[in-house]
């Protein structure tokens, strides 16, 4: 499964029905997701979601570095499990 590439960003918005929230947008400004909830919490959740592509890349790099350095197999497997889950694996 491939995710939308590029840096994702957070944009706050206001709604007429008093439910504010955040859009997560791709590099082209297209909406990827909307997050609603408590003002502080929705922004924190949106920032977490928006950083997902960078976190996934960091996990790939960490796993590669651990593997090349002969790191602990449990750590390598734990990272692989998170990567697999993020990519829609089982």
PDB file of N, CA and C in Angstrom:
ATOM      1  N   UNK A   1       0.851  -1.173   0.000  1.00  0.00           N
ATOM      2  CA  UNK A   1       0.000   0.000   0.000  1.00  0.00           C
ATOM      3  C   UNK A   1       0.895   1.234   0.000  1.00  0.00           C
ATOM      4  N   UNK A   2       0.574   2.168  -0.832  1.00  0.00           N
ATOM      5  CA  UNK A   2       1.343   3.412  -0.924  1.00  0.00           C
ATOM      6  C   UNK A   2       0.552   4.552  -0.304  1.00  0.00           C
ATOM      7  N   UNK A   3       1.225   5.348   0.489  1.00  0.00           N
ATOM      8  CA  UNK A   3       0.580   6.536   1.042  1.00  0.00           C
ATOM      9  C   UNK A   3       0.892   7.739   0.161  1.00  0.00           C
ATOM     10  N   UNK A   4       0.154   8.808   0.365  1.00  0.00           N
ATOM     11  CA  UNK A   4       0.393  10.043  -0.372  1.00  0.00           C
ATOM     12  C   UNK A   4       1.770  10.579   0.002  1.00  0.00           C
ATOM     13  N   UNK A   5       2.605  10.787  -0.996  1.00  0.00           N
ATOM     14  CA  UNK A   5       3.977  11.234  -0.757  1.00  0.00           C
ATOM     15  C   UNK A   5       4.034  12.718  -0.406  1.00  0.00           C
ATOM     16  N   UNK A   6       5.190  13.106   0.039  1.00  0.00           N
ATOM     17  CA  UNK A   6       5.450  14.520   0.295  1.00  0.00           C
ATOM     18  C   UNK A   6       5.174  14.920   1.726  1.00  0.00           C
ATOM     19  N   UNK A   7       5.512  16.106   2.020  1.00  0.00           N
ATOM     20  CA  UNK A   7       5.282  16.657   3.355  1.00  0.00           C
ATOM     21  C   UNK A   7       3.798  16.969   3.521  1.00  0.00           C
ATOM     22  N   UNK A   8       3.233  16.548   4.645  1.00  0.00           N
ATOM     23  CA  UNK A   8       1.846  16.857   4.959  1.00  0.00           C
ATOM     24  C   UNK A   8       1.840  18.035   5.917  1.00  0.00           C
ATOM     25  N   UNK A   9       0.772  18.815   5.908  1.00  0.00           N
ATOM     26  CA  UNK A   9       0.711  19.997   6.772  1.00  0.00           C
ATOM     27  C   UNK A   9      -0.666  20.117   7.409  1.00  0.00           C
ATOM     28  N   UNK A  10      -0.727  20.907   8.468  1.00  0.00           N
ATOM     29  CA  UNK A  10      -1.951  21.110   9.247  1.00  0.00           C
ATOM     30  C   UNK A  10      -2.472  22.516   9.006  1.00  0.00           C
ATOM     31  N   UNK A  11      -3.782  22.613   8.807  1.00  0.00           N
ATOM     32  CA  UNK A  11      -4.447  23.899   8.615  1.00  0.00           C
ATOM     33  C   UNK A  11      -5.664  23.953   9.518  1.00  0.00           C
ATOM     34  N   UNK A  12      -5.729  24.944  10.386  1.00  0.00           N
ATOM     35  CA  UNK A  12      -6.893  25.107  11.266  1.00  0.00           C
ATOM     36  C   UNK A  12      -8.062  25.661  10.473  1.00  0.00           C
ATOM     37  N   UNK A  13      -9.261  25.356  10.924  1.00  0.00           N
ATOM     38  CA  UNK A  13     -10.444  25.916  10.300  1.00  0.00           C
ATOM     39  C   UNK A  13     -11.529  26.111  11.347  1.00  0.00           C
ATOM     40  N   UNK A  14     -12.479  26.926  11.021  1.00  0.00           N
ATOM     41  CA  UNK A  14     -13.634  27.188  11.884  1.00  0.00           C
ATOM     42  C   UNK A  14     -14.883  26.742  11.138  1.00  0.00           C
ATOM     43  N   UNK A  15     -15.825  26.166  11.857  1.00  0.00           N
ATOM     44  CA  UNK A  15     -17.082  25.735  11.258  1.00  0.00           C
ATOM     45  C   UNK A  15     -18.233  26.527  11.865  1.00  0.00           C
ATOM     46  N   UNK A  16     -19.256  26.742  11.071  1.00  0.00           N
ATOM     47  CA  UNK A  16     -20.420  27.489  11.523  1.00  0.00           C
ATOM     48  C   UNK A  16     -21.123  26.800  12.679  1.00  0.00           C
ATOM     49  N   UNK A  17     -21.002  25.494  12.772  1.00  0.00           N
ATOM     50  CA  UNK A  17     -21.695  24.764  13.838  1.00  0.00           C
ATOM     51  C   UNK A  17     -20.876  24.662  15.122  1.00  0.00           C
ATOM     52  N   UNK A  18     -19.891  25.534  15.275  1.00  0.00           N
ATOM     53  CA  UNK A  18     -19.017  25.654  16.450  1.00  0.00           C
ATOM     54  C   UNK A  18     -17.987  24.537  16.597  1.00  0.00           C
ATOM     55  N   UNK A  19     -17.985  23.590  15.715  1.00  0.00           N
ATOM     56  CA  UNK A  19     -16.980  22.523  15.774  1.00  0.00           C
ATOM     57  C   UNK A  19     -15.786  22.908  14.917  1.00  0.00           C
ATOM     58  N   UNK A  20     -14.764  23.418  15.551  1.00  0.00           N
ATOM     59  CA  UNK A  20     -13.540  23.717  14.822  1.00  0.00           C
ATOM     60  C   UNK A  20     -12.811  22.426  14.534  1.00  0.00           C
ATOM     61  N   UNK A  21     -11.696  22.511  13.922  1.00  0.00           N
ATOM     62  CA  UNK A  21     -10.917  21.320  13.639  1.00  0.00           C
ATOM     63  C   UNK A  21      -9.706  21.651  12.808  1.00  0.00           C
ATOM     64  N   UNK A  22      -9.132  20.628  12.229  1.00  0.00           N
ATOM     65  CA  UNK A  22      -7.931  20.788  11.421  1.00  0.00           C
ATOM     66  C   UNK A  22      -8.016  19.923  10.181  1.00  0.00           C
ATOM     67  N   UNK A  23      -7.537  20.456   9.060  1.00  0.00           N
ATOM     68  CA  UNK A  23      -7.335  19.678   7.847  1.00  0.00           C
ATOM     69  C   UNK A  23      -5.880  19.231   7.829  1.00  0.00           C
ATOM     70  N   UNK A  24      -5.636  18.016   7.384  1.00  0.00           N
ATOM     71  CA  UNK A  24      -4.290  17.581   7.052  1.00  0.00           C
ATOM     72  C   UNK A  24      -4.256  17.591   5.532  1.00  0.00           C
ATOM     73  N   UNK A  25      -3.292  18.314   4.966  1.00  0.00           N
ATOM     74  CA  UNK A  25      -3.217  18.489   3.508  1.00  0.00           C
ATOM     75  C   UNK A  25      -1.903  17.944   2.976  1.00  0.00           C
ATOM     76  N   UNK A  26      -1.928  17.527   1.716  1.00  0.00           N
ATOM     77  CA  UNK A  26      -0.706  17.064   1.073  1.00  0.00           C
ATOM     78  C   UNK A  26       0.047  18.237   0.472  1.00  0.00           C
ATOM     79  N   UNK A  27       1.152  17.951  -0.235  1.00  0.00           N
ATOM     80  CA  UNK A  27       1.983  19.003  -0.846  1.00  0.00           C
ATOM     81  C   UNK A  27       1.228  19.851  -1.848  1.00  0.00           C
ATOM     82  N   UNK A  28       0.197  19.282  -2.472  1.00  0.00           N
ATOM     83  CA  UNK A  28      -0.584  20.008  -3.471  1.00  0.00           C
ATOM     84  C   UNK A  28      -1.749  20.775  -2.854  1.00  0.00           C
ATOM     85  N   UNK A  29      -1.860  20.752  -1.521  1.00  0.00           N
ATOM     86  CA  UNK A  29      -2.947  21.457  -0.849  1.00  0.00           C
ATOM     87  C   UNK A  29      -4.252  20.695  -0.820  1.00  0.00           C
ATOM     88  N   UNK A  30      -4.221  19.419  -1.235  1.00  0.00           N
ATOM     89  CA  UNK A  30      -5.423  18.594  -1.216  1.00  0.00           C
ATOM     90  C   UNK A  30      -5.649  18.033   0.187  1.00  0.00           C
ATOM     91  N   UNK A  31      -6.922  17.979   0.588  1.00  0.00           N
ATOM     92  CA  UNK A  31      -7.254  17.428   1.906  1.00  0.00           C
ATOM     93  C   UNK A  31      -6.980  15.934   1.949  1.00  0.00           C
ATOM     94  N   UNK A  32      -6.310  15.499   3.020  1.00  0.00           N
ATOM     95  CA  UNK A  32      -6.091  14.083   3.271  1.00  0.00           C
ATOM     96  C   UNK A  32      -7.005  13.596   4.386  1.00  0.00           C
ATOM     97  N   UNK A  33      -7.223  14.467   5.387  1.00  0.00           N
ATOM     98  CA  UNK A  33      -8.036  14.086   6.544  1.00  0.00           C
ATOM     99  C   UNK A  33      -8.519  15.343   7.250  1.00  0.00           C
ATOM    100  N   UNK A  34      -9.547  15.156   8.066  1.00  0.00           N
ATOM    101  CA  UNK A  34     -10.039  16.226   8.935  1.00  0.00           C
ATOM    102  C   UNK A  34     -10.077  15.669  10.343  1.00  0.00           C
ATOM    103  N   UNK A  35      -9.641  16.462  11.293  1.00  0.00           N
ATOM    104  CA  UNK A  35      -9.615  16.052  12.691  1.00  0.00           C
ATOM    105  C   UNK A  35     -10.494  17.002  13.489  1.00  0.00           C
ATOM    106  N   UNK A  36     -11.415  16.432  14.258  1.00  0.00           N
ATOM    107  CA  UNK A  36     -12.316  17.225  15.100  1.00  0.00           C
ATOM    108  C   UNK A  36     -12.113  16.828  16.549  1.00  0.00           C
ATOM    109  N   UNK A  37     -12.458  17.706  17.435  1.00  0.00           N
ATOM    110  CA  UNK A  37     -12.385  17.394  18.855  1.00  0.00           C
ATOM    111  C   UNK A  37     -12.094  18.634  19.652  1.00  0.00           C
ATOM    112  N   UNK A  38     -11.635  18.409  20.857  1.00  0.00           N
ATOM    113  CA  UNK A  38     -11.206  19.491  21.730  1.00  0.00           C
ATOM    114  C   UNK A  38     -10.133  20.290  21.009  1.00  0.00           C
ATOM    115  N   UNK A  39     -10.183  21.611  21.112  1.00  0.00           N
ATOM    116  CA  UNK A  39      -9.255  22.487  20.362  1.00  0.00           C
ATOM    117  C   UNK A  39      -7.791  22.078  20.494  1.00  0.00           C
ATOM    118  N   UNK A  40      -7.331  21.864  21.720  1.00  0.00           N
ATOM    119  CA  UNK A  40      -5.933  21.486  21.915  1.00  0.00           C
ATOM    120  C   UNK A  40      -5.664  20.092  21.391  1.00  0.00           C
ATOM    121  N   UNK A  41      -6.586  19.195  21.679  1.00  0.00           N
ATOM    122  CA  UNK A  41      -6.405  17.805  21.294  1.00  0.00           C
ATOM    123  C   UNK A  41      -6.483  17.614  19.778  1.00  0.00           C
ATOM    124  N   UNK A  42      -7.406  18.318  19.102  1.00  0.00           N
ATOM    125  CA  UNK A  42      -7.501  18.122  17.656  1.00  0.00           C
ATOM    126  C   UNK A  42      -6.246  18.621  16.951  1.00  0.00           C
ATOM    127  N   UNK A  43      -5.660  19.693  17.433  1.00  0.00           N
ATOM    128  CA  UNK A  43      -4.419  20.189  16.839  1.00  0.00           C
ATOM    129  C   UNK A  43      -3.271  19.215  17.093  1.00  0.00           C
ATOM    130  N   UNK A  44      -3.195  18.673  18.310  1.00  0.00           N
ATOM    131  CA  UNK A  44      -2.145  17.690  18.619  1.00  0.00           C
ATOM    132  C   UNK A  44      -2.307  16.441  17.754  1.00  0.00           C
ATOM    133  N   UNK A  45      -3.535  15.958  17.600  1.00  0.00           N
ATOM    134  CA  UNK A  45      -3.783  14.786  16.760  1.00  0.00           C
ATOM    135  C   UNK A  45      -3.449  15.073  15.303  1.00  0.00           C
ATOM    136  N   UNK A  46      -3.835  16.239  14.822  1.00  0.00           N
ATOM    137  CA  UNK A  46      -3.545  16.618  13.436  1.00  0.00           C
ATOM    138  C   UNK A  46      -2.042  16.695  13.193  1.00  0.00           C
ATOM    139  N   UNK A  47      -1.297  17.269  14.130  1.00  0.00           N
ATOM    140  CA  UNK A  47       0.159  17.339  13.986  1.00  0.00           C
ATOM    141  C   UNK A  47       0.791  15.952  13.967  1.00  0.00           C
ATOM    142  N   UNK A  48       0.269  15.050  14.793  1.00  0.00           N
ATOM    143  CA  UNK A  48       0.770  13.678  14.811  1.00  0.00           C
ATOM    144  C   UNK A  48       0.519  12.994  13.468  1.00  0.00           C
ATOM    145  N   UNK A  49      -0.688  13.131  12.950  1.00  0.00           N
ATOM    146  CA  UNK A  49      -1.027  12.529  11.659  1.00  0.00           C
ATOM    147  C   UNK A  49      -0.177  13.140  10.543  1.00  0.00           C
ATOM    148  N   UNK A  50      -0.034  14.451  10.549  1.00  0.00           N
ATOM    149  CA  UNK A  50       0.717  15.136   9.491  1.00  0.00           C
ATOM    150  C   UNK A  50       2.192  14.736   9.479  1.00  0.00           C
ATOM    151  N   UNK A  51       2.727  14.317  10.608  1.00  0.00           N
ATOM    152  CA  UNK A  51       4.140  13.928  10.649  1.00  0.00           C
ATOM    153  C   UNK A  51       4.350  12.458  10.287  1.00  0.00           C
ATOM    154  N   UNK A  52       3.282  11.731   9.978  1.00  0.00           N
ATOM    155  CA  UNK A  52       3.382  10.293   9.686  1.00  0.00           C
ATOM    156  C   UNK A  52       4.372   9.952   8.574  1.00  0.00           C
ATOM    157  N   UNK A  53       4.373  10.636   7.424  1.00  0.00           N
ATOM    158  CA  UNK A  53       5.345  10.261   6.383  1.00  0.00           C
ATOM    159  C   UNK A  53       6.801  10.395   6.843  1.00  0.00           C
ATOM    160  N   UNK A  54       7.087  11.439   7.611  1.00  0.00           N
ATOM    161  CA  UNK A  54       8.456  11.630   8.107  1.00  0.00           C
ATOM    162  C   UNK A  54       8.813  10.579   9.150  1.00  0.00           C
ATOM    163  N   UNK A  55       7.844  10.224   9.987  1.00  0.00           N
ATOM    164  CA  UNK A  55       8.097   9.180  10.987  1.00  0.00           C
ATOM    165  C   UNK A  55       8.332   7.836  10.319  1.00  0.00           C
ATOM    166  N   UNK A  56       7.560   7.531   9.273  1.00  0.00           N
ATOM    167  CA  UNK A  56       7.737   6.271   8.562  1.00  0.00           C
ATOM    168  C   UNK A  56       9.127   6.205   7.933  1.00  0.00           C
ATOM    169  N   UNK A  57       9.558   7.288   7.330  1.00  0.00           N
ATOM    170  CA  UNK A  57      10.905   7.335   6.751  1.00  0.00           C
ATOM    171  C   UNK A  57      11.974   7.139   7.827  1.00  0.00           C
ATOM    172  N   UNK A  58      11.781   7.765   8.989  1.00  0.00           N
ATOM    173  CA  UNK A  58      12.737   7.601  10.097  1.00  0.00           C
ATOM    174  C   UNK A  58      12.777   6.153  10.580  1.00  0.00           C
ATOM    175  N   UNK A  59      11.626   5.498  10.608  1.00  0.00           N
ATOM    176  CA  UNK A  59      11.596   4.091  11.001  1.00  0.00           C
ATOM    177  C   UNK A  59      12.361   3.212  10.012  1.00  0.00           C
ATOM    178  N   UNK A  60      12.173   3.462   8.717  1.00  0.00           N
ATOM    179  CA  UNK A  60      12.946   2.714   7.708  1.00  0.00           C
ATOM    180  C   UNK A  60      14.444   2.916   7.923  1.00  0.00           C
ATOM    181  N   UNK A  61      14.852   4.162   8.163  1.00  0.00           N
ATOM    182  CA  UNK A  61      16.274   4.455   8.370  1.00  0.00           C
ATOM    183  C   UNK A  61      16.807   3.801   9.637  1.00  0.00           C
ATOM    184  N   UNK A  62      16.021   3.831  10.715  1.00  0.00           N
ATOM    185  CA  UNK A  62      16.441   3.216  11.978  1.00  0.00           C
ATOM    186  C   UNK A  62      16.569   1.703  11.820  1.00  0.00           C
ATOM    187  N   UNK A  63      15.604   1.111  11.147  1.00  0.00           N
ATOM    188  CA  UNK A  63      15.655  -0.335  10.947  1.00  0.00           C
ATOM    189  C   UNK A  63      16.885  -0.712  10.122  1.00  0.00           C
ATOM    190  N   UNK A  64      17.148   0.031   9.068  1.00  0.00           N
ATOM    191  CA  UNK A  64      18.309  -0.239   8.223  1.00  0.00           C
ATOM    192  C   UNK A  64      19.606  -0.097   9.016  1.00  0.00           C
ATOM    193  N   UNK A  65      19.698   0.968   9.807  1.00  0.00           N
ATOM    194  CA  UNK A  65      20.910   1.188  10.606  1.00  0.00           C
ATOM    195  C   UNK A  65      21.108   0.073  11.629  1.00  0.00           C
ATOM    196  N   UNK A  66      20.035  -0.342  12.287  1.00  0.00           N
ATOM    197  CA  UNK A  66      20.144  -1.441  13.255  1.00  0.00           C
ATOM    198  C   UNK A  66      20.572  -2.735  12.573  1.00  0.00           C
ATOM    199  N   UNK A  67      19.983  -3.013  11.426  1.00  0.00           N
ATOM    200  CA  UNK A  67      20.310  -4.234  10.694  1.00  0.00           C
ATOM    201  C   UNK A  67      21.780  -4.234  10.279  1.00  0.00           C
ATOM    202  N   UNK A  68      22.241  -3.117   9.707  1.00  0.00           N
ATOM    203  CA  UNK A  68      23.634  -3.027   9.233  1.00  0.00           C
ATOM    204  C   UNK A  68      24.648  -3.097  10.372  1.00  0.00           C
ATOM    205  N   UNK A  69      24.262  -2.615  11.548  1.00  0.00           N
ATOM    206  CA  UNK A  69      25.192  -2.617  12.674  1.00  0.00           C
ATOM    207  C   UNK A  69      25.086  -3.887  13.521  1.00  0.00           C
ATOM    208  N   UNK A  70      24.244  -4.820  13.081  1.00  0.00           N
ATOM    209  CA  UNK A  70      24.091  -6.057  13.852  1.00  0.00           C
ATOM    210  C   UNK A  70      23.284  -5.845  15.118  1.00  0.00           C
ATOM    211  N   UNK A  71      22.359  -4.918  15.067  1.00  0.00           N
ATOM    212  CA  UNK A  71      21.540  -4.603  16.235  1.00  0.00           C
ATOM    213  C   UNK A  71      20.672  -5.762  16.689  1.00  0.00           C
ATOM    214  N   UNK A  72      20.074  -5.575  17.832  1.00  0.00           N
ATOM    215  CA  UNK A  72      19.221  -6.581  18.452  1.00  0.00           C
ATOM    216  C   UNK A  72      18.036  -6.932  17.541  1.00  0.00           C
ATOM    217  N   UNK A  73      17.840  -8.220  17.301  1.00  0.00           N
ATOM    218  CA  UNK A  73      16.760  -8.676  16.431  1.00  0.00           C
ATOM    219  C   UNK A  73      15.378  -8.284  16.950  1.00  0.00           C
ATOM    220  N   UNK A  74      15.220  -8.245  18.270  1.00  0.00           N
ATOM    221  CA  UNK A  74      13.925  -7.825  18.829  1.00  0.00           C
ATOM    222  C   UNK A  74      13.602  -6.387  18.442  1.00  0.00           C
ATOM    223  N   UNK A  75      14.606  -5.518  18.485  1.00  0.00           N
ATOM    224  CA  UNK A  75      14.402  -4.124  18.096  1.00  0.00           C
ATOM    225  C   UNK A  75      14.079  -4.015  16.608  1.00  0.00           C
ATOM    226  N   UNK A  76      14.805  -4.754  15.792  1.00  0.00           N
ATOM    227  CA  UNK A  76      14.571  -4.744  14.346  1.00  0.00           C
ATOM    228  C   UNK A  76      13.159  -5.243  14.038  1.00  0.00           C
ATOM    229  N   UNK A  77      12.752  -6.316  14.691  1.00  0.00           N
ATOM    230  CA  UNK A  77      11.414  -6.871  14.473  1.00  0.00           C
ATOM    231  C   UNK A  77      10.323  -5.924  14.967  1.00  0.00           C
ATOM    232  N   UNK A  78      10.570  -5.239  16.079  1.00  0.00           N
ATOM    233  CA  UNK A  78       9.589  -4.287  16.599  1.00  0.00           C
ATOM    234  C   UNK A  78       9.389  -3.131  15.623  1.00  0.00           C
ATOM    235  N   UNK A  79      10.478  -2.626  15.070  1.00  0.00           N
ATOM    236  CA  UNK A  79      10.381  -1.550  14.084  1.00  0.00           C
ATOM    237  C   UNK A  79       9.655  -2.059  12.842  1.00  0.00           C
ATOM    238  N   UNK A  80       9.995  -3.266  12.402  1.00  0.00           N
ATOM    239  CA  UNK A  80       9.343  -3.816  11.218  1.00  0.00           C
ATOM    240  C   UNK A  80       7.836  -3.965  11.451  1.00  0.00           C
ATOM    241  N   UNK A  81       7.436  -4.370  12.633  1.00  0.00           N
ATOM    242  CA  UNK A  81       6.010  -4.532  12.942  1.00  0.00           C
ATOM    243  C   UNK A  81       5.268  -3.202  12.833  1.00  0.00           C
ATOM    244  N   UNK A  82       5.888  -2.124  13.306  1.00  0.00           N
ATOM    245  CA  UNK A  82       5.260  -0.797  13.217  1.00  0.00           C
ATOM    246  C   UNK A  82       5.181  -0.356  11.752  1.00  0.00           C
ATOM    247  N   UNK A  83       6.247  -0.560  10.995  1.00  0.00           N
ATOM    248  CA  UNK A  83       6.240  -0.218   9.568  1.00  0.00           C
ATOM    249  C   UNK A  83       5.145  -1.002   8.845  1.00  0.00           C
ATOM    250  N   UNK A  84       5.089  -2.289   9.103  1.00  0.00           N
ATOM    251  CA  UNK A  84       4.096  -3.143   8.477  1.00  0.00           C
ATOM    252  C   UNK A  84       2.671  -2.668   8.799  1.00  0.00           C
ATOM    253  N   UNK A  85       2.440  -2.330  10.035  1.00  0.00           N
ATOM    254  CA  UNK A  85       1.125  -1.827  10.454  1.00  0.00           C
ATOM    255  C   UNK A  85       0.798  -0.499   9.754  1.00  0.00           C
ATOM    256  N   UNK A  86       1.776   0.385   9.686  1.00  0.00           N
ATOM    257  CA  UNK A  86       1.559   1.696   9.043  1.00  0.00           C
ATOM    258  C   UNK A  86       1.251   1.537   7.557  1.00  0.00           C
ATOM    259  N   UNK A  87       1.771   0.498   6.942  1.00  0.00           N
ATOM    260  CA  UNK A  87       1.548   0.278   5.519  1.00  0.00           C
ATOM    261  C   UNK A  87       0.354  -0.627   5.235  1.00  0.00           C
ATOM    262  N   UNK A  88      -0.441  -0.875   6.271  1.00  0.00           N
ATOM    263  CA  UNK A  88      -1.662  -1.638   6.076  1.00  0.00           C
ATOM    264  C   UNK A  88      -1.500  -3.143   6.149  1.00  0.00           C
ATOM    265  N   UNK A  89      -0.357  -3.591   6.664  1.00  0.00           N
ATOM    266  CA  UNK A  89      -0.123  -5.033   6.799  1.00  0.00           C
ATOM    267  C   UNK A  89      -0.924  -5.593   7.960  1.00  0.00           C
ATOM    268  N   UNK A  90      -0.708  -6.855   8.185  1.00  0.00           N
ATOM    269  CA  UNK A  90      -1.463  -7.523   9.253  1.00  0.00           C
ATOM    270  C   UNK A  90      -0.649  -7.709  10.493  1.00  0.00           C
TER     271      UNK A  90
END
